[in-house]
Amino acid sequence: MAEVMGSILVVVGAFFHFSAGLGMLRMPDAYTRMQAGTKASTLGNALVLLGLACYHPSWSLKLLILIYFVFMTNPVSSHALTRAAYAIGIPMTKKADIDALRDARRDMGDR
């Protein structure tokens, strides 16, 4: 039963990895690509690691620590890369009509 559950988790995690890759290809600009890749790959990594924990119960603690590490570092690194892209002037898609960071900087008097 644990092997079946582990296989299901790994396959669902692989599906999320696939959707992350598809999102990276289909999104119009760097900012939306970053969001699509980060959210889906974070969940995909967690599911694959949980699937591995089902296959190898003795590794469970180490795999849970890895899942925690992925949940803490993926969003933070994605945020840092996106802010760096914004700082060097990589343009947003023309469909984006809201630039919240520009508006926040203007309200703070920082240009």
PDB file of N, CA and C in Angstrom:
ATOM      1  N   MET A   1       0.811  -1.197   0.000  1.00  0.00           N
ATOM      2  CA  MET A   1       0.000   0.000   0.000  1.00  0.00           C
ATOM      3  C   MET A   1       0.858   1.267   0.000  1.00  0.00           C
ATOM      4  N   ALA A   2       1.965   1.246   0.760  1.00  0.00           N
ATOM      5  CA  ALA A   2       2.855   2.403   0.818  1.00  0.00           C
ATOM      6  C   ALA A   2       3.499   2.660  -0.535  1.00  0.00           C
ATOM      7  N   GLU A   3       3.797   1.587  -1.278  1.00  0.00           N
ATOM      8  CA  GLU A   3       4.406   1.773  -2.596  1.00  0.00           C
ATOM      9  C   GLU A   3       3.421   2.416  -3.572  1.00  0.00           C
ATOM     10  N   VAL A   4       2.144   2.036  -3.471  1.00  0.00           N
ATOM     11  CA  VAL A   4       1.132   2.628  -4.350  1.00  0.00           C
ATOM     12  C   VAL A   4       0.970   4.113  -4.023  1.00  0.00           C
ATOM     13  N   MET A   5       0.882   4.435  -2.753  1.00  0.00           N
ATOM     14  CA  MET A   5       0.755   5.829  -2.346  1.00  0.00           C
ATOM     15  C   MET A   5       1.988   6.619  -2.751  1.00  0.00           C
ATOM     16  N   GLY A   6       3.158   6.038  -2.575  1.00  0.00           N
ATOM     17  CA  GLY A   6       4.404   6.694  -2.989  1.00  0.00           C
ATOM     18  C   GLY A   6       4.433   6.940  -4.486  1.00  0.00           C
ATOM     19  N   SER A   7       3.982   5.956  -5.260  1.00  0.00           N
ATOM     20  CA  SER A   7       3.953   6.114  -6.719  1.00  0.00           C
ATOM     21  C   SER A   7       2.980   7.212  -7.135  1.00  0.00           C
ATOM     22  N   ILE A   8       1.825   7.263  -6.488  1.00  0.00           N
ATOM     23  CA  ILE A   8       0.840   8.296  -6.803  1.00  0.00           C
ATOM     24  C   ILE A   8       1.412   9.684  -6.497  1.00  0.00           C
ATOM     25  N   LEU A   9       2.055   9.821  -5.351  1.00  0.00           N
ATOM     26  CA  LEU A   9       2.639  11.118  -4.982  1.00  0.00           C
ATOM     27  C   LEU A   9       3.741  11.540  -5.955  1.00  0.00           C
ATOM     28  N   VAL A  10       4.569  10.598  -6.369  1.00  0.00           N
ATOM     29  CA  VAL A  10       5.638  10.920  -7.313  1.00  0.00           C
ATOM     30  C   VAL A  10       5.061  11.333  -8.662  1.00  0.00           C
ATOM     31  N   VAL A  11       4.028  10.632  -9.127  1.00  0.00           N
ATOM     32  CA  VAL A  11       3.415  10.975 -10.418  1.00  0.00           C
ATOM     33  C   VAL A  11       2.739  12.347 -10.345  1.00  0.00           C
ATOM     34  N   VAL A  12       2.023  12.619  -9.265  1.00  0.00           N
ATOM     35  CA  VAL A  12       1.382  13.936  -9.124  1.00  0.00           C
ATOM     36  C   VAL A  12       2.454  15.021  -9.022  1.00  0.00           C
ATOM     37  N   GLY A  13       3.533  14.761  -8.306  1.00  0.00           N
ATOM     38  CA  GLY A  13       4.640  15.712  -8.235  1.00  0.00           C
ATOM     39  C   GLY A  13       5.272  15.945  -9.595  1.00  0.00           C
ATOM     40  N   ALA A  14       5.418  14.881 -10.379  1.00  0.00           N
ATOM     41  CA  ALA A  14       5.955  15.027 -11.734  1.00  0.00           C
ATOM     42  C   ALA A  14       5.021  15.853 -12.606  1.00  0.00           C
ATOM     43  N   PHE A  15       3.709  15.700 -12.410  1.00  0.00           N
ATOM     44  CA  PHE A  15       2.749  16.518 -13.145  1.00  0.00           C
ATOM     45  C   PHE A  15       2.929  18.000 -12.816  1.00  0.00           C
ATOM     46  N   PHE A  16       3.150  18.320 -11.538  1.00  0.00           N
ATOM     47  CA  PHE A  16       3.373  19.709 -11.167  1.00  0.00           C
ATOM     48  C   PHE A  16       4.682  20.239 -11.746  1.00  0.00           C
ATOM     49  N   HIS A  17       5.707  19.400 -11.803  1.00  0.00           N
ATOM     50  CA  HIS A  17       6.953  19.810 -12.457  1.00  0.00           C
ATOM     51  C   HIS A  17       6.720  20.077 -13.937  1.00  0.00           C
ATOM     52  N   PHE A  18       5.936  19.223 -14.579  1.00  0.00           N
ATOM     53  CA  PHE A  18       5.602  19.431 -15.984  1.00  0.00           C
ATOM     54  C   PHE A  18       4.842  20.739 -16.168  1.00  0.00           C
ATOM     55  N   SER A  19       3.879  21.004 -15.299  1.00  0.00           N
ATOM     56  CA  SER A  19       3.119  22.245 -15.423  1.00  0.00           C
ATOM     57  C   SER A  19       4.010  23.460 -15.163  1.00  0.00           C
ATOM     58  N   ALA A  20       5.006  23.333 -14.302  1.00  0.00           N
ATOM     59  CA  ALA A  20       5.952  24.434 -14.084  1.00  0.00           C
ATOM     60  C   ALA A  20       6.737  24.708 -15.359  1.00  0.00           C
ATOM     61  N   GLY A  21       7.187  23.661 -16.010  1.00  0.00           N
ATOM     62  CA  GLY A  21       7.913  23.834 -17.266  1.00  0.00           C
ATOM     63  C   GLY A  21       7.034  24.420 -18.352  1.00  0.00           C
ATOM     64  N   LEU A  22       5.804  23.966 -18.412  1.00  0.00           N
ATOM     65  CA  LEU A  22       4.857  24.500 -19.394  1.00  0.00           C
ATOM     66  C   LEU A  22       4.565  25.970 -19.120  1.00  0.00           C
ATOM     67  N   GLY A  23       4.425  26.328 -17.858  1.00  0.00           N
ATOM     68  CA  GLY A  23       4.207  27.723 -17.494  1.00  0.00           C
ATOM     69  C   GLY A  23       5.395  28.591 -17.864  1.00  0.00           C
ATOM     70  N   MET A  24       6.599  28.056 -17.717  1.00  0.00           N
ATOM     71  CA  MET A  24       7.794  28.805 -18.100  1.00  0.00           C
ATOM     72  C   MET A  24       7.808  29.083 -19.602  1.00  0.00           C
ATOM     73  N   LEU A  25       7.279  28.168 -20.378  1.00  0.00           N
ATOM     74  CA  LEU A  25       7.247  28.356 -21.834  1.00  0.00           C
ATOM     75  C   LEU A  25       6.129  29.287 -22.278  1.00  0.00           C
ATOM     76  N   ARG A  26       5.006  29.245 -21.612  1.00  0.00           N
ATOM     77  CA  ARG A  26       3.816  29.942 -22.098  1.00  0.00           C
ATOM     78  C   ARG A  26       3.614  31.350 -21.543  1.00  0.00           C
ATOM     79  N   MET A  27       4.218  31.666 -20.436  1.00  0.00           N
ATOM     80  CA  MET A  27       3.988  32.979 -19.836  1.00  0.00           C
ATOM     81  C   MET A  27       4.714  34.074 -20.616  1.00  0.00           C
ATOM     82  N   PRO A  28       4.166  35.302 -20.613  1.00  0.00           N
ATOM     83  CA  PRO A  28       4.670  36.337 -21.510  1.00  0.00           C
ATOM     84  C   PRO A  28       5.917  37.092 -21.047  1.00  0.00           C
ATOM     85  N   ASP A  29       6.194  37.148 -19.751  1.00  0.00           N
ATOM     86  CA  ASP A  29       7.356  37.917 -19.312  1.00  0.00           C
ATOM     87  C   ASP A  29       8.067  37.205 -18.165  1.00  0.00           C
ATOM     88  N   ALA A  30       9.205  37.764 -17.782  1.00  0.00           N
ATOM     89  CA  ALA A  30      10.041  37.123 -16.764  1.00  0.00           C
ATOM     90  C   ALA A  30       9.339  36.999 -15.421  1.00  0.00           C
ATOM     91  N   TYR A  31       8.502  37.960 -15.095  1.00  0.00           N
ATOM     92  CA  TYR A  31       7.855  37.971 -13.790  1.00  0.00           C
ATOM     93  C   TYR A  31       6.810  36.867 -13.661  1.00  0.00           C
ATOM     94  N   THR A  32       5.996  36.701 -14.674  1.00  0.00           N
ATOM     95  CA  THR A  32       4.996  35.635 -14.614  1.00  0.00           C
ATOM     96  C   THR A  32       5.639  34.269 -14.794  1.00  0.00           C
ATOM     97  N   ARG A  33       6.722  34.198 -15.556  1.00  0.00           N
ATOM     98  CA  ARG A  33       7.450  32.921 -15.674  1.00  0.00           C
ATOM     99  C   ARG A  33       8.025  32.503 -14.324  1.00  0.00           C
ATOM    100  N   MET A  34       8.555  33.471 -13.617  1.00  0.00           N
ATOM    101  CA  MET A  34       9.128  33.175 -12.300  1.00  0.00           C
ATOM    102  C   MET A  34       8.056  32.661 -11.352  1.00  0.00           C
ATOM    103  N   GLN A  35       6.900  33.289 -11.375  1.00  0.00           N
ATOM    104  CA  GLN A  35       5.804  32.873 -10.495  1.00  0.00           C
ATOM    105  C   GLN A  35       5.326  31.475 -10.848  1.00  0.00           C
ATOM    106  N   ALA A  36       5.142  31.218 -12.142  1.00  0.00           N
ATOM    107  CA  ALA A  36       4.655  29.902 -12.567  1.00  0.00           C
ATOM    108  C   ALA A  36       5.658  28.813 -12.211  1.00  0.00           C
ATOM    109  N   GLY A  37       6.912  29.073 -12.461  1.00  0.00           N
ATOM    110  CA  GLY A  37       7.930  28.066 -12.168  1.00  0.00           C
ATOM    111  C   GLY A  37       8.109  27.806 -10.691  1.00  0.00           C
ATOM    112  N   THR A  38       8.025  28.831  -9.884  1.00  0.00           N
ATOM    113  CA  THR A  38       8.275  28.670  -8.453  1.00  0.00           C
ATOM    114  C   THR A  38       7.144  27.949  -7.748  1.00  0.00           C
ATOM    115  N   LYS A  39       5.925  28.391  -7.959  1.00  0.00           N
ATOM    116  CA  LYS A  39       4.798  27.789  -7.238  1.00  0.00           C
ATOM    117  C   LYS A  39       4.633  26.313  -7.581  1.00  0.00           C
ATOM    118  N   ALA A  40       4.643  25.997  -8.859  1.00  0.00           N
ATOM    119  CA  ALA A  40       4.413  24.614  -9.260  1.00  0.00           C
ATOM    120  C   ALA A  40       5.592  23.712  -8.898  1.00  0.00           C
ATOM    121  N   SER A  41       6.804  24.207  -9.051  1.00  0.00           N
ATOM    122  CA  SER A  41       7.947  23.350  -8.730  1.00  0.00           C
ATOM    123  C   SER A  41       8.101  23.139  -7.225  1.00  0.00           C
ATOM    124  N   THR A  42       7.715  24.110  -6.421  1.00  0.00           N
ATOM    125  CA  THR A  42       7.767  23.927  -4.972  1.00  0.00           C
ATOM    126  C   THR A  42       6.836  22.797  -4.546  1.00  0.00           C
ATOM    127  N   LEU A  43       5.608  22.834  -5.050  1.00  0.00           N
ATOM    128  CA  LEU A  43       4.669  21.760  -4.715  1.00  0.00           C
ATOM    129  C   LEU A  43       5.117  20.438  -5.329  1.00  0.00           C
ATOM    130  N   GLY A  44       5.619  20.479  -6.548  1.00  0.00           N
ATOM    131  CA  GLY A  44       6.106  19.251  -7.191  1.00  0.00           C
ATOM    132  C   GLY A  44       7.239  18.613  -6.412  1.00  0.00           C
ATOM    133  N   ASN A  45       8.193  19.427  -5.952  1.00  0.00           N
ATOM    134  CA  ASN A  45       9.295  18.895  -5.146  1.00  0.00           C
ATOM    135  C   ASN A  45       8.787  18.260  -3.860  1.00  0.00           C
ATOM    136  N   ALA A  46       7.856  18.930  -3.204  1.00  0.00           N
ATOM    137  CA  ALA A  46       7.328  18.398  -1.943  1.00  0.00           C
ATOM    138  C   ALA A  46       6.626  17.062  -2.169  1.00  0.00           C
ATOM    139  N   LEU A  47       5.838  16.958  -3.228  1.00  0.00           N
ATOM    140  CA  LEU A  47       5.119  15.712  -3.486  1.00  0.00           C
ATOM    141  C   LEU A  47       6.066  14.580  -3.852  1.00  0.00           C
ATOM    142  N   VAL A  48       7.073  14.876  -4.653  1.00  0.00           N
ATOM    143  CA  VAL A  48       8.045  13.833  -5.009  1.00  0.00           C
ATOM    144  C   VAL A  48       8.789  13.362  -3.755  1.00  0.00           C
ATOM    145  N   LEU A  49       9.182  14.295  -2.908  1.00  0.00           N
ATOM    146  CA  LEU A  49       9.887  13.903  -1.689  1.00  0.00           C
ATOM    147  C   LEU A  49       8.985  13.123  -0.737  1.00  0.00           C
ATOM    148  N   LEU A  50       7.701  13.489  -0.656  1.00  0.00           N
ATOM    149  CA  LEU A  50       6.767  12.694   0.157  1.00  0.00           C
ATOM    150  C   LEU A  50       6.594  11.296  -0.419  1.00  0.00           C
ATOM    151  N   GLY A  51       6.568  11.206  -1.749  1.00  0.00           N
ATOM    152  CA  GLY A  51       6.504   9.889  -2.385  1.00  0.00           C
ATOM    153  C   GLY A  51       7.718   9.040  -2.054  1.00  0.00           C
ATOM    154  N   LEU A  52       8.883   9.665  -2.055  1.00  0.00           N
ATOM    155  CA  LEU A  52      10.095   8.936  -1.670  1.00  0.00           C
ATOM    156  C   LEU A  52      10.039   8.499  -0.208  1.00  0.00           C
ATOM    157  N   ALA A  53       9.432   9.324   0.634  1.00  0.00           N
ATOM    158  CA  ALA A  53       9.293   8.963   2.049  1.00  0.00           C
ATOM    159  C   ALA A  53       8.402   7.731   2.203  1.00  0.00           C
ATOM    160  N   CYS A  54       7.427   7.577   1.315  1.00  0.00           N
ATOM    161  CA  CYS A  54       6.585   6.377   1.359  1.00  0.00           C
ATOM    162  C   CYS A  54       7.379   5.134   0.951  1.00  0.00           C
ATOM    163  N   TYR A  55       8.268   5.299  -0.023  1.00  0.00           N
ATOM    164  CA  TYR A  55       9.105   4.178  -0.461  1.00  0.00           C
ATOM    165  C   TYR A  55      10.154   3.801   0.576  1.00  0.00           C
ATOM    166  N   HIS A  56      10.733   4.800   1.217  1.00  0.00           N
ATOM    167  CA  HIS A  56      11.814   4.574   2.184  1.00  0.00           C
ATOM    168  C   HIS A  56      11.464   5.252   3.504  1.00  0.00           C
ATOM    169  N   PRO A  57      10.679   4.615   4.353  1.00  0.00           N
ATOM    170  CA  PRO A  57      10.262   5.246   5.614  1.00  0.00           C
ATOM    171  C   PRO A  57      11.426   5.653   6.514  1.00  0.00           C
ATOM    172  N   SER A  58      12.562   4.978   6.407  1.00  0.00           N
ATOM    173  CA  SER A  58      13.702   5.349   7.246  1.00  0.00           C
ATOM    174  C   SER A  58      14.288   6.711   6.857  1.00  0.00           C
ATOM    175  N   TRP A  59      13.988   7.205   5.670  1.00  0.00           N
ATOM    176  CA  TRP A  59      14.477   8.503   5.214  1.00  0.00           C
ATOM    177  C   TRP A  59      13.508   9.639   5.544  1.00  0.00           C
ATOM    178  N   SER A  60      12.402   9.352   6.175  1.00  0.00           N
ATOM    179  CA  SER A  60      11.319  10.325   6.333  1.00  0.00           C
ATOM    180  C   SER A  60      11.757  11.627   6.986  1.00  0.00           C
ATOM    181  N   LEU A  61      12.519  11.560   8.061  1.00  0.00           N
ATOM    182  CA  LEU A  61      12.932  12.781   8.744  1.00  0.00           C
ATOM    183  C   LEU A  61      13.793  13.649   7.829  1.00  0.00           C
ATOM    184  N   LYS A  62      14.744  13.027   7.152  1.00  0.00           N
ATOM    185  CA  LYS A  62      15.606  13.780   6.238  1.00  0.00           C
ATOM    186  C   LYS A  62      14.796  14.398   5.102  1.00  0.00           C
ATOM    187  N   LEU A  63      13.842  13.660   4.573  1.00  0.00           N
ATOM    188  CA  LEU A  63      13.024  14.171   3.475  1.00  0.00           C
ATOM    189  C   LEU A  63      12.102  15.296   3.937  1.00  0.00           C
ATOM    190  N   LEU A  64      11.579  15.197   5.156  1.00  0.00           N
ATOM    191  CA  LEU A  64      10.761  16.291   5.694  1.00  0.00           C
ATOM    192  C   LEU A  64      11.595  17.560   5.906  1.00  0.00           C
ATOM    193  N   ILE A  65      12.837  17.389   6.310  1.00  0.00           N
ATOM    194  CA  ILE A  65      13.730  18.542   6.439  1.00  0.00           C
ATOM    195  C   ILE A  65      13.979  19.163   5.070  1.00  0.00           C
ATOM    196  N   LEU A  66      14.151  18.327   4.048  1.00  0.00           N
ATOM    197  CA  LEU A  66      14.322  18.841   2.684  1.00  0.00           C
ATOM    198  C   LEU A  66      13.076  19.579   2.207  1.00  0.00           C
ATOM    199  N   ILE A  67      11.901  19.042   2.511  1.00  0.00           N
ATOM    200  CA  ILE A  67      10.655  19.706   2.127  1.00  0.00           C
ATOM    201  C   ILE A  67      10.575  21.077   2.798  1.00  0.00           C
ATOM    202  N   TYR A  68      10.897  21.128   4.069  1.00  0.00           N
ATOM    203  CA  TYR A  68      10.903  22.411   4.784  1.00  0.00           C
ATOM    204  C   TYR A  68      11.876  23.381   4.122  1.00  0.00           C
ATOM    205  N   PHE A  69      13.058  22.895   3.782  1.00  0.00           N
ATOM    206  CA  PHE A  69      14.060  23.733   3.135  1.00  0.00           C
ATOM    207  C   PHE A  69      13.550  24.262   1.795  1.00  0.00           C
ATOM    208  N   VAL A  70      12.897  23.417   1.010  1.00  0.00           N
ATOM    209  CA  VAL A  70      12.339  23.842  -0.283  1.00  0.00           C
ATOM    210  C   VAL A  70      11.256  24.893  -0.075  1.00  0.00           C
ATOM    211  N   PHE A  71      10.371  24.680   0.888  1.00  0.00           N
ATOM    212  CA  PHE A  71       9.302  25.646   1.155  1.00  0.00           C
ATOM    213  C   PHE A  71       9.844  26.993   1.628  1.00  0.00           C
ATOM    214  N   MET A  72      10.970  26.992   2.309  1.00  0.00           N
ATOM    215  CA  MET A  72      11.525  28.250   2.800  1.00  0.00           C
ATOM    216  C   MET A  72      12.388  28.952   1.757  1.00  0.00           C
ATOM    217  N   THR A  73      13.101  28.215   0.931  1.00  0.00           N
ATOM    218  CA  THR A  73      14.060  28.855   0.028  1.00  0.00           C
ATOM    219  C   THR A  73      13.509  29.161  -1.358  1.00  0.00           C
ATOM    220  N   ASN A  74      12.639  28.348  -1.914  1.00  0.00           N
ATOM    221  CA  ASN A  74      12.135  28.610  -3.268  1.00  0.00           C
ATOM    222  C   ASN A  74      11.417  29.954  -3.373  1.00  0.00           C
ATOM    223  N   PRO A  75      10.456  30.257  -2.522  1.00  0.00           N
ATOM    224  CA  PRO A  75       9.793  31.556  -2.654  1.00  0.00           C
ATOM    225  C   PRO A  75      10.727  32.742  -2.393  1.00  0.00           C
ATOM    226  N   VAL A  76      11.638  32.595  -1.451  1.00  0.00           N
ATOM    227  CA  VAL A  76      12.556  33.695  -1.134  1.00  0.00           C
ATOM    228  C   VAL A  76      13.499  33.954  -2.300  1.00  0.00           C
ATOM    229  N   SER A  77      14.050  32.892  -2.877  1.00  0.00           N
ATOM    230  CA  SER A  77      14.958  33.079  -4.011  1.00  0.00           C
ATOM    231  C   SER A  77      14.211  33.624  -5.223  1.00  0.00           C
ATOM    232  N   SER A  78      13.001  33.168  -5.444  1.00  0.00           N
ATOM    233  CA  SER A  78      12.191  33.683  -6.546  1.00  0.00           C
ATOM    234  C   SER A  78      11.911  35.170  -6.358  1.00  0.00           C
ATOM    235  N   HIS A  79      11.593  35.560  -5.145  1.00  0.00           N
ATOM    236  CA  HIS A  79      11.339  36.969  -4.851  1.00  0.00           C
ATOM    237  C   HIS A  79      12.590  37.814  -5.105  1.00  0.00           C
ATOM    238  N   ALA A  80      13.746  37.323  -4.658  1.00  0.00           N
ATOM    239  CA  ALA A  80      14.994  38.063  -4.846  1.00  0.00           C
ATOM    240  C   ALA A  80      15.332  38.198  -6.330  1.00  0.00           C
ATOM    241  N   LEU A  81      15.145  37.133  -7.098  1.00  0.00           N
ATOM    242  CA  LEU A  81      15.421  37.203  -8.537  1.00  0.00           C
ATOM    243  C   LEU A  81      14.459  38.144  -9.253  1.00  0.00           C
ATOM    244  N   THR A  82      13.212  38.140  -8.835  1.00  0.00           N
ATOM    245  CA  THR A  82      12.238  39.020  -9.456  1.00  0.00           C
ATOM    246  C   THR A  82      12.533  40.478  -9.131  1.00  0.00           C
ATOM    247  N   ARG A  83      12.902  40.768  -7.896  1.00  0.00           N
ATOM    248  CA  ARG A  83      13.260  42.144  -7.546  1.00  0.00           C
ATOM    249  C   ARG A  83      14.505  42.599  -8.301  1.00  0.00           C
ATOM    250  N   ALA A  84      15.462  41.694  -8.490  1.00  0.00           N
ATOM    251  CA  ALA A  84      16.654  42.031  -9.266  1.00  0.00           C
ATOM    252  C   ALA A  84      16.294  42.315 -10.720  1.00  0.00           C
ATOM    253  N   ALA A  85      15.398  41.518 -11.283  1.00  0.00           N
ATOM    254  CA  ALA A  85      14.956  41.752 -12.658  1.00  0.00           C
ATOM    255  C   ALA A  85      14.269  43.099 -12.770  1.00  0.00           C
ATOM    256  N   TYR A  86      13.474  43.440 -11.788  1.00  0.00           N
ATOM    257  CA  TYR A  86      12.791  44.741 -11.785  1.00  0.00           C
ATOM    258  C   TYR A  86      13.807  45.878 -11.656  1.00  0.00           C
ATOM    259  N   ALA A  87      14.795  45.675 -10.804  1.00  0.00           N
ATOM    260  CA  ALA A  87      15.790  46.729 -10.564  1.00  0.00           C
ATOM    261  C   ALA A  87      16.627  47.021 -11.806  1.00  0.00           C
ATOM    262  N   ILE A  88      16.907  46.023 -12.621  1.00  0.00           N
ATOM    263  CA  ILE A  88      17.709  46.277 -13.820  1.00  0.00           C
ATOM    264  C   ILE A  88      16.846  46.659 -15.016  1.00  0.00           C
ATOM    265  N   GLY A  89      15.536  46.718 -14.808  1.00  0.00           N
ATOM    266  CA  GLY A  89      14.658  47.260 -15.834  1.00  0.00           C
ATOM    267  C   GLY A  89      14.096  46.283 -16.843  1.00  0.00           C
ATOM    268  N   ILE A  90      14.013  45.017 -16.508  1.00  0.00           N
ATOM    269  CA  ILE A  90      13.382  44.065 -17.417  1.00  0.00           C
ATOM    270  C   ILE A  90      11.896  44.407 -17.495  1.00  0.00           C
ATOM    271  N   PRO A  91      11.383  44.627 -18.699  1.00  0.00           N
ATOM    272  CA  PRO A  91      10.003  45.119 -18.820  1.00  0.00           C
ATOM    273  C   PRO A  91       8.958  44.060 -18.489  1.00  0.00           C
ATOM    274  N   MET A  92       7.827  44.564 -17.993  1.00  0.00           N
ATOM    275  CA  MET A  92       6.671  43.702 -17.769  1.00  0.00           C
ATOM    276  C   MET A  92       5.931  43.554 -19.088  1.00  0.00           C
ATOM    277  N   THR A  93       5.040  42.574 -19.171  1.00  0.00           N
ATOM    278  CA  THR A  93       4.231  42.411 -20.359  1.00  0.00           C
ATOM    279  C   THR A  93       3.346  43.635 -20.559  1.00  0.00           C
ATOM    280  N   LYS A  94       3.039  43.925 -21.792  1.00  0.00           N
ATOM    281  CA  LYS A  94       2.197  45.092 -22.082  1.00  0.00           C
ATOM    282  C   LYS A  94       0.771  44.911 -21.557  1.00  0.00           C
ATOM    283  N   LYS A  95       0.375  43.680 -21.282  1.00  0.00           N
ATOM    284  CA  LYS A  95      -0.965  43.415 -20.753  1.00  0.00           C
ATOM    285  C   LYS A  95      -1.082  43.793 -19.275  1.00  0.00           C
ATOM    286  N   ALA A  96       0.042  43.918 -18.594  1.00  0.00           N
ATOM    287  CA  ALA A  96       0.018  44.264 -17.166  1.00  0.00           C
ATOM    288  C   ALA A  96      -0.296  45.745 -17.023  1.00  0.00           C
ATOM    289  N   ASP A  97      -1.390  46.042 -16.368  1.00  0.00           N
ATOM    290  CA  ASP A  97      -1.769  47.432 -16.205  1.00  0.00           C
ATOM    291  C   ASP A  97      -1.534  47.936 -14.778  1.00  0.00           C
ATOM    292  N   ILE A  98      -1.010  47.093 -13.905  1.00  0.00           N
ATOM    293  CA  ILE A  98      -0.730  47.484 -12.525  1.00  0.00           C
ATOM    294  C   ILE A  98       0.736  47.181 -12.231  1.00  0.00           C
ATOM    295  N   ASP A  99       1.444  48.161 -11.743  1.00  0.00           N
ATOM    296  CA  ASP A  99       2.821  47.996 -11.289  1.00  0.00           C
ATOM    297  C   ASP A  99       2.854  48.419  -9.822  1.00  0.00           C
ATOM    298  N   ALA A 100       2.565  47.483  -8.938  1.00  0.00           N
ATOM    299  CA  ALA A 100       2.428  47.788  -7.515  1.00  0.00           C
ATOM    300  C   ALA A 100       3.739  48.277  -6.909  1.00  0.00           C
ATOM    301  N   LEU A 101       4.868  47.750  -7.349  1.00  0.00           N
ATOM    302  CA  LEU A 101       6.140  48.181  -6.790  1.00  0.00           C
ATOM    303  C   LEU A 101       6.444  49.624  -7.179  1.00  0.00           C
ATOM    304  N   ARG A 102       6.178  49.989  -8.425  1.00  0.00           N
ATOM    305  CA  ARG A 102       6.374  51.377  -8.856  1.00  0.00           C
ATOM    306  C   ARG A 102       5.482  52.317  -8.044  1.00  0.00           C
ATOM    307  N   ASP A 103       4.232  51.915  -7.857  1.00  0.00           N
ATOM    308  CA  ASP A 103       3.306  52.738  -7.092  1.00  0.00           C
ATOM    309  C   ASP A 103       3.735  52.869  -5.641  1.00  0.00           C
ATOM    310  N   ALA A 104       4.220  51.800  -5.040  1.00  0.00           N
ATOM    311  CA  ALA A 104       4.669  51.846  -3.649  1.00  0.00           C
ATOM    312  C   ALA A 104       5.897  52.740  -3.510  1.00  0.00           C
ATOM    313  N   ARG A 105       6.813  52.664  -4.466  1.00  0.00           N
ATOM    314  CA  ARG A 105       8.003  53.510  -4.417  1.00  0.00           C
ATOM    315  C   ARG A 105       7.618  54.982  -4.583  1.00  0.00           C
ATOM    316  N   ARG A 106       6.669  55.251  -5.453  1.00  0.00           N
ATOM    317  CA  ARG A 106       6.228  56.623  -5.658  1.00  0.00           C
ATOM    318  C   ARG A 106       5.582  57.168  -4.384  1.00  0.00           C
ATOM    319  N   ASP A 107       4.792  56.341  -3.707  1.00  0.00           N
ATOM    320  CA  ASP A 107       4.125  56.781  -2.474  1.00  0.00           C
ATOM    321  C   ASP A 107       5.137  57.050  -1.363  1.00  0.00           C
ATOM    322  N   MET A 108       6.245  56.311  -1.375  1.00  0.00           N
ATOM    323  CA  MET A 108       7.270  56.502  -0.344  1.00  0.00           C
ATOM    324  C   MET A 108       8.227  57.643  -0.694  1.00  0.00           C
ATOM    325  N   GLY A 109       8.114  58.175  -1.892  1.00  0.00           N
ATOM    326  CA  GLY A 109       9.002  59.254  -2.298  1.00  0.00           C
ATOM    327  C   GLY A 109      10.320  58.767  -2.852  1.00  0.00           C
ATOM    328  N   ASP A 110      10.502  57.443  -3.015  1.00  0.00           N
ATOM    329  CA  ASP A 110      11.726  56.866  -3.546  1.00  0.00           C
ATOM    330  C   ASP A 110      11.570  56.686  -5.045  1.00  0.00           C
ATOM    331  N   ARG A 111      12.446  57.238  -5.800  1.00  0.00           N
ATOM    332  CA  ARG A 111      12.323  57.102  -7.267  1.00  0.00           C
ATOM    333  C   ARG A 111      13.451  56.336  -7.821  1.00  0.00           C
TER     334      ARG A 111
END
